[in-house]
Protein backbone atom coordinates (compact mmCIF):
# COMPACT_ATOMS: atom_id res chain seq x y z
CA MET A 1 20.50 -12.82 -0.80
CA THR A 2 22.96 -10.78 1.20
CA PRO A 3 21.82 -7.63 3.01
CA GLY A 4 23.59 -5.63 0.32
CA ALA A 5 21.76 -7.45 -2.47
CA ARG A 6 18.44 -6.77 -0.76
CA LEU A 7 19.31 -3.08 -0.49
CA ALA A 8 20.30 -2.97 -4.15
CA ALA A 9 16.95 -4.52 -5.06
CA ALA A 10 15.11 -1.98 -2.89
CA ILE A 11 16.98 0.89 -4.56
CA GLU A 12 16.13 -0.40 -8.03
CA ILE A 13 12.46 -0.81 -7.14
CA LEU A 14 12.27 2.65 -5.57
CA GLU A 15 13.81 4.14 -8.71
CA ARG A 16 11.17 2.38 -10.80
CA ILE A 17 8.44 3.72 -8.55
CA GLU A 18 9.79 7.24 -9.06
CA ALA A 19 9.55 6.81 -12.84
CA ASP A 20 6.39 4.71 -13.16
CA ARG A 21 2.83 5.64 -12.22
CA ARG A 22 1.76 2.06 -11.56
CA PRO A 23 0.97 1.07 -7.94
CA ALA A 24 4.04 0.23 -5.88
CA ASP A 25 2.83 -3.25 -4.96
CA ARG A 26 2.45 -4.13 -8.64
CA LEU A 27 5.96 -2.94 -9.43
CA ILE A 28 7.37 -4.97 -6.53
CA GLU A 29 5.43 -8.04 -7.66
CA ALA A 30 6.68 -7.70 -11.25
CA TYR A 31 10.26 -7.20 -10.05
CA THR A 32 10.33 -10.23 -7.75
CA ARG A 33 8.44 -12.47 -10.16
CA ALA A 34 11.11 -11.85 -12.79
CA ARG A 35 13.81 -12.92 -10.31
CA ARG A 36 12.98 -16.45 -9.23
CA TYR A 37 16.13 -16.68 -7.14
CA MET A 38 14.53 -14.38 -4.56
CA GLY A 39 13.20 -16.49 -1.70
CA SER A 40 10.21 -15.60 0.42
CA ARG A 41 12.40 -14.03 3.12
CA ASP A 42 14.23 -11.95 0.53
CA ARG A 43 10.96 -10.72 -0.97
CA ALA A 44 9.59 -9.87 2.48
CA ALA A 45 12.76 -8.02 3.48
CA VAL A 46 12.78 -5.97 0.27
CA ARG A 47 9.10 -5.08 0.71
CA VAL A 48 9.82 -3.84 4.24
CA LEU A 49 12.59 -1.61 2.93
CA VAL A 50 10.60 -0.24 0.01
CA PHE A 51 7.38 0.41 1.90
CA GLY A 52 9.32 1.84 4.83
CA VAL A 53 10.74 4.52 2.54
CA LEU A 54 7.34 5.15 0.93
CA ARG A 55 5.48 5.45 4.23
CA HIS A 56 8.11 7.64 5.88
CA ARG A 57 9.11 9.68 2.84
CA ALA A 58 8.06 13.12 4.11
CA ARG A 59 9.92 12.70 7.39
CA LEU A 60 12.96 11.17 5.69
CA ASP A 61 13.12 14.08 3.24
CA TRP A 62 12.72 16.54 6.11
CA TRP A 63 15.70 15.08 7.93
CA CYS A 64 17.85 14.96 4.80
CA ALA A 65 17.06 18.60 3.99
CA ARG A 66 17.53 19.71 7.62
CA LEU A 67 20.99 18.19 7.90
CA ASP A 68 22.03 19.63 4.53
CA SER A 69 24.77 17.08 3.99
CA GLY A 70 25.35 18.23 0.42
CA GLN A 71 23.74 15.07 -0.92
CA PRO A 72 20.60 15.71 -3.02
CA VAL A 73 17.53 14.05 -1.53
CA GLY A 74 16.94 11.00 -3.67
CA VAL A 75 16.33 7.27 -3.49
CA ARG A 76 19.66 6.38 -1.88
CA SER A 77 19.62 9.15 0.72
CA ARG A 78 16.02 8.30 1.65
CA LEU A 79 16.93 4.63 2.03
CA LEU A 80 19.96 5.46 4.16
CA ALA A 81 17.82 7.67 6.39
CA GLU A 82 15.22 4.88 6.62
CA LEU A 83 17.91 2.40 7.70
CA VAL A 84 19.17 4.70 10.46
CA LEU A 85 15.96 6.32 11.70
CA ALA A 86 13.39 3.56 11.29
CA GLN A 87 15.15 0.22 10.74
CA GLY A 88 17.79 0.59 13.46
CA TRP A 89 20.87 -0.24 11.36
CA ASP A 90 24.17 0.91 12.81
CA SER A 91 26.88 2.62 10.77
CA ALA A 92 29.05 -0.48 10.50
CA ALA A 93 26.23 -2.63 9.10
CA ILE A 94 25.34 0.02 6.54
CA ALA A 95 28.96 0.45 5.49
CA GLU A 96 29.35 -3.32 5.08
CA ALA A 97 26.18 -3.55 2.96
CA PHE A 98 27.36 -0.64 0.78
CA ALA A 99 30.90 -1.97 0.39
CA GLY A 100 30.57 -2.42 -3.38
CA ALA A 101 30.32 -6.22 -3.27
CA ARG A 102 28.85 -8.16 -6.17
CA TYR A 103 25.06 -7.72 -6.43
CA GLY A 104 25.18 -5.00 -3.77
CA PRO A 105 24.83 -1.24 -4.11
CA SER A 106 27.77 0.96 -5.05
CA PRO A 107 29.96 2.20 -2.17
CA LEU A 108 28.91 5.14 -0.05
CA ALA A 109 29.89 8.60 -1.23
CA PRO A 110 31.50 10.89 1.36
CA GLU A 111 28.28 12.93 1.53
CA GLU A 112 26.29 9.75 2.24
CA SER A 113 28.65 8.74 5.04
CA ALA A 114 28.26 12.24 6.48
CA LEU A 115 24.48 11.89 6.33
CA ILE A 116 24.61 8.58 8.22
CA ALA A 117 26.83 10.09 10.89
CA ALA A 118 24.56 13.12 11.27
CA LEU A 119 21.47 10.94 11.62
CA ARG A 120 22.97 8.69 14.29
CA GLY A 121 21.00 8.93 17.52
CA LYS A 122 18.09 10.78 15.92
CA ALA A 123 14.46 9.59 15.85
CA LEU A 124 12.16 9.57 12.83
CA ASP A 125 9.84 12.08 14.53
CA HIS A 126 10.90 15.56 15.60
CA ALA A 127 8.96 18.36 17.28
CA ASP A 128 10.04 20.84 14.60
CA GLN A 129 8.43 18.87 11.79
CA PRO A 130 5.43 20.74 10.35
CA PRO A 131 2.02 19.03 10.48
CA ALA A 132 2.11 18.04 6.81
CA VAL A 133 5.43 16.24 7.35
CA GLN A 134 4.20 14.56 10.53
CA ALA A 135 1.09 13.45 8.65
CA GLU A 136 3.15 12.11 5.71
CA LEU A 137 1.15 14.14 3.21
CA PRO A 138 2.51 14.81 -0.30
CA ASP A 139 3.38 18.37 -1.25
CA TRP A 140 0.21 18.85 -3.29
CA LEU A 141 -1.91 18.05 -0.25
CA ALA A 142 0.17 19.88 2.36
CA HIS A 143 -2.08 22.93 2.47
CA GLU A 144 -4.93 20.70 3.67
CA ALA A 145 -2.96 19.63 6.76
CA ARG A 146 -3.61 22.66 8.95
CA ASP A 147 -6.20 20.92 11.10
CA HIS A 148 -4.57 17.51 11.02
CA ARG A 149 -3.79 15.92 14.35
CA PRO A 150 -0.21 14.56 14.38
CA GLY A 151 -1.23 11.62 16.51
CA ASP A 152 -3.42 10.35 13.69
CA ARG A 153 -0.70 10.24 11.04
CA ALA A 154 -0.26 6.43 10.83
CA PRO A 155 -2.80 5.05 8.37
CA PRO A 156 -4.76 2.06 9.66
CA PHE A 157 -4.73 -1.31 7.95
CA ASP A 158 -8.34 -2.29 7.34
CA LEU A 159 -10.08 -5.36 6.00
CA ARG A 160 -13.60 -5.72 4.67
CA VAL A 161 -15.37 -8.94 5.59
CA ASN A 162 -17.35 -10.66 2.82
CA ARG A 163 -20.58 -10.95 4.75
CA ARG A 164 -22.10 -13.25 2.15
CA LYS A 165 -19.61 -15.89 3.27
CA THR A 166 -18.86 -15.17 6.92
CA ASN A 167 -19.05 -12.56 9.69
CA ARG A 168 -16.60 -10.33 11.55
CA GLU A 169 -16.28 -12.47 14.65
CA GLU A 170 -15.48 -15.59 12.66
CA VAL A 171 -12.80 -13.69 10.73
CA ARG A 172 -11.37 -12.26 13.96
CA THR A 173 -11.06 -15.80 15.29
CA LEU A 174 -9.31 -16.98 12.13
CA LEU A 175 -6.93 -14.02 12.24
CA ALA A 176 -6.20 -14.65 15.91
CA GLY A 177 -5.28 -18.22 14.99
CA ALA A 178 -2.69 -16.79 12.63
CA GLY A 179 -1.35 -14.51 15.37
CA ILE A 180 -3.05 -11.37 14.06
CA GLU A 181 -5.15 -9.23 16.37
CA ALA A 182 -8.03 -7.30 14.77
CA ALA A 183 -10.76 -5.04 16.09
CA PRO A 184 -14.04 -3.87 14.51
CA THR A 185 -13.80 -0.59 12.62
CA PRO A 186 -15.68 2.25 14.33
CA PHE A 187 -18.16 2.92 11.50
CA SER A 188 -18.22 0.22 8.83
CA PRO A 189 -20.21 -2.85 9.92
CA ALA A 190 -18.06 -5.01 7.64
CA GLY A 191 -14.65 -3.67 8.65
CA LEU A 192 -11.82 -5.01 10.78
CA ARG A 193 -8.78 -2.97 11.76
CA ILE A 194 -5.29 -4.32 12.34
CA ALA A 195 -2.80 -2.21 14.29
CA ALA A 196 0.02 -2.55 11.73
CA PRO A 197 0.13 -3.66 8.09
CA VAL A 198 0.57 -7.41 7.68
CA ARG A 199 0.72 -9.83 4.78
CA ILE A 200 -2.55 -11.77 4.62
CA GLU A 201 -2.44 -12.91 0.99
CA HIS A 202 -1.06 -16.31 2.03
CA LEU A 203 -3.84 -17.00 4.54
CA PRO A 204 -6.71 -19.33 3.58
CA LEU A 205 -9.29 -16.75 4.69
CA PHE A 206 -7.96 -14.37 2.01
CA ARG A 207 -7.61 -16.99 -0.71
CA ASP A 208 -11.15 -18.18 0.01
CA GLY A 209 -12.57 -14.69 -0.39
CA LEU A 210 -13.62 -14.15 3.22
CA VAL A 211 -11.86 -10.77 3.37
CA GLU A 212 -10.51 -8.04 1.12
CA ILE A 213 -7.97 -5.36 1.99
CA GLN A 214 -9.94 -2.10 1.96
CA ASP A 215 -9.75 1.01 4.12
CA GLU A 216 -12.83 1.95 6.08
CA GLY A 217 -13.35 5.15 4.10
CA SER A 218 -13.81 3.21 0.87
CA GLN A 219 -16.16 0.81 2.64
CA LEU A 220 -18.28 3.75 3.78
CA VAL A 221 -18.40 5.23 0.26
CA ALA A 222 -19.86 1.94 -1.00
CA LEU A 223 -22.36 1.83 1.88
CA LEU A 224 -23.53 5.38 1.15
CA MET A 225 -24.59 4.22 -2.31
CA ASP A 226 -27.39 2.31 -0.57
CA ALA A 227 -27.23 -0.38 -3.26
CA ARG A 228 -29.77 -3.15 -2.71
CA PRO A 229 -30.46 -6.63 -4.09
CA GLY A 230 -32.01 -6.58 -7.55
CA MET A 231 -30.79 -3.11 -8.53
CA THR A 232 -28.74 -2.17 -11.60
CA VAL A 233 -25.66 -0.29 -10.39
CA VAL A 234 -22.78 1.26 -12.37
CA ASP A 235 -19.37 1.73 -10.75
CA TYR A 236 -18.09 4.31 -13.21
CA CYS A 237 -14.49 4.39 -11.90
CA ALA A 238 -13.98 0.83 -10.69
CA GLY A 239 -10.20 0.53 -10.88
CA ALA A 240 -9.17 -2.84 -9.48
CA GLY A 241 -12.61 -3.40 -7.93
CA GLY A 242 -12.40 -2.70 -4.21
CA LYS A 243 -15.61 -0.69 -3.98
CA THR A 244 -17.19 -2.87 -6.68
CA LEU A 245 -16.85 -5.87 -4.39
CA ALA A 246 -18.26 -3.91 -1.47
CA LEU A 247 -21.28 -3.12 -3.65
CA VAL A 248 -21.63 -6.81 -4.48
CA ASP A 249 -21.84 -7.47 -0.75
CA ALA A 250 -24.50 -4.77 -0.30
CA MET A 251 -26.50 -6.21 -3.20
CA ALA A 252 -26.21 -9.77 -1.84
CA ASP A 253 -24.93 -10.76 -5.31
CA GLN A 254 -28.37 -10.13 -6.79
CA GLY A 255 -29.00 -7.72 -9.67
CA ARG A 256 -26.62 -6.20 -12.22
CA LEU A 257 -23.37 -4.43 -11.42
CA VAL A 258 -21.36 -2.85 -14.25
CA ALA A 259 -17.74 -2.05 -13.35
CA CYS A 260 -16.17 0.55 -15.67
CA ASP A 261 -12.75 2.15 -16.03
CA ILE A 262 -10.65 3.79 -18.73
CA ASP A 263 -7.60 1.73 -17.70
CA GLU A 264 -7.96 -1.75 -19.15
CA ALA A 265 -5.00 -3.14 -17.20
CA ARG A 266 -6.42 -2.00 -13.85
CA LEU A 267 -9.82 -3.41 -14.72
CA ALA A 268 -8.28 -6.75 -15.70
CA ARG A 269 -6.82 -7.14 -12.22
CA MET A 270 -10.34 -7.39 -10.89
CA ALA A 271 -10.80 -10.90 -12.29
CA ASP A 272 -8.99 -12.72 -9.49
CA ARG A 273 -10.81 -10.71 -6.83
CA LEU A 274 -14.20 -11.46 -8.39
CA ALA A 275 -13.36 -15.15 -8.45
CA ARG A 276 -12.31 -15.15 -4.80
CA ALA A 277 -15.49 -13.34 -3.82
CA SER A 278 -17.67 -15.86 -5.70
CA THR A 279 -19.81 -13.25 -7.42
CA SER A 280 -21.81 -13.67 -10.63
CA ILE A 281 -23.37 -10.21 -11.16
CA VAL A 282 -20.37 -8.11 -12.21
CA GLU A 283 -19.81 -7.07 -15.82
CA THR A 284 -16.64 -5.15 -16.73
CA ARG A 285 -16.48 -2.41 -19.37
CA VAL A 286 -13.46 -0.47 -20.63
CA LEU A 287 -14.47 3.15 -21.26
CA ASP A 288 -13.23 5.14 -24.24
CA GLY A 289 -13.41 8.48 -22.46
CA ALA A 290 -16.55 9.77 -24.22
CA PRO A 291 -19.25 9.90 -21.49
CA HIS A 292 -22.23 10.30 -23.83
CA ARG A 293 -21.26 7.22 -25.86
CA GLU A 294 -20.59 5.15 -22.74
CA ALA A 295 -23.95 6.11 -21.25
CA GLU A 296 -25.64 4.82 -24.42
CA ARG A 297 -23.70 1.55 -24.23
CA LEU A 298 -24.68 0.94 -20.62
CA GLU A 299 -28.41 1.28 -21.24
C-alpha cells in the first residue's frame, strides 16, 4: 500500500470508531481481516496511525482549536495534526499523500493546508495545555484531573504473568530475547511493565498463554477479591475475561468460576483466552439484565 492508501484506511477506521461503540482494536481487526491485500507492514502502519490519534486526541484537538484554522476538528484534522506533531511528517510528504491518487484520501482543503502550515515546528505538548488535556482525559472525566500530575499522563503497558505456567523472571528473559525490555510492576506480584506499547500477540509466550495484556490496576482488583483454590466465585461483569483469568490464577484453577456479562459478543471473545490459559474451571453465562433471576440461576 502507498502512504496515501494507509492514510485513507486510517481515516476510514477512525470514522468507524467515532460511530461504533465497539473497542478500537476489534474494529481495526475486522477492517484488516476483510482486506486480505493488506500486508503485515500495512496493518502495522495503519495501527500506528489510528492509535496515535486515539492516544493523543485531547492534545490534537487542543492544537486544532487553538490555531482556529476554520476547519472543524474532526477525523481528518486530528490525523493531520498527528502526522505533523507526533509522526514527524513534513508538509511535502503530507501533500503528496493527500494528492487525490487512487486509493488515497481526497486532496487537502485550503483550511487543512493552513492547519499544517500553522502546526509546523510545534510540539505535541505545550505549557498552556490544561491538566486534563495533558493527561489525555475525555471531557466527561476532565473535572477529576485537578490533582493529576502531567508527568504521569502516558499510560503504562502492562502484562500479567500466568503464574500457573511460569514466573516473572522467565517471562522477562523471553521478552528480552525478542528485544523487549520489561520491569516488575510496583504492586502486582504477577505484573510486568513495558515502557511503550508493543505487539506481543505474535510471540510464542503469548500464544502459549504465559502472559495476558492487563493493566496493573485490573490485576490489583482481582487480587483484592482474595479468591482461593476451591472457592465458588462469580465475576458478574466479566467482559472479555481479563480479570476472570486473573481470578483463575489466584484460584490455581481449582474450584468454580462463573463469568457473566450482558454482552454475549464480548463474552464469546473469552473463549480463545481461556484456551490459551489452559483453564478448566470457568463457566460463562449471558445475563438478561434481571439481577434477581440471574442470582437464582447461579445458585
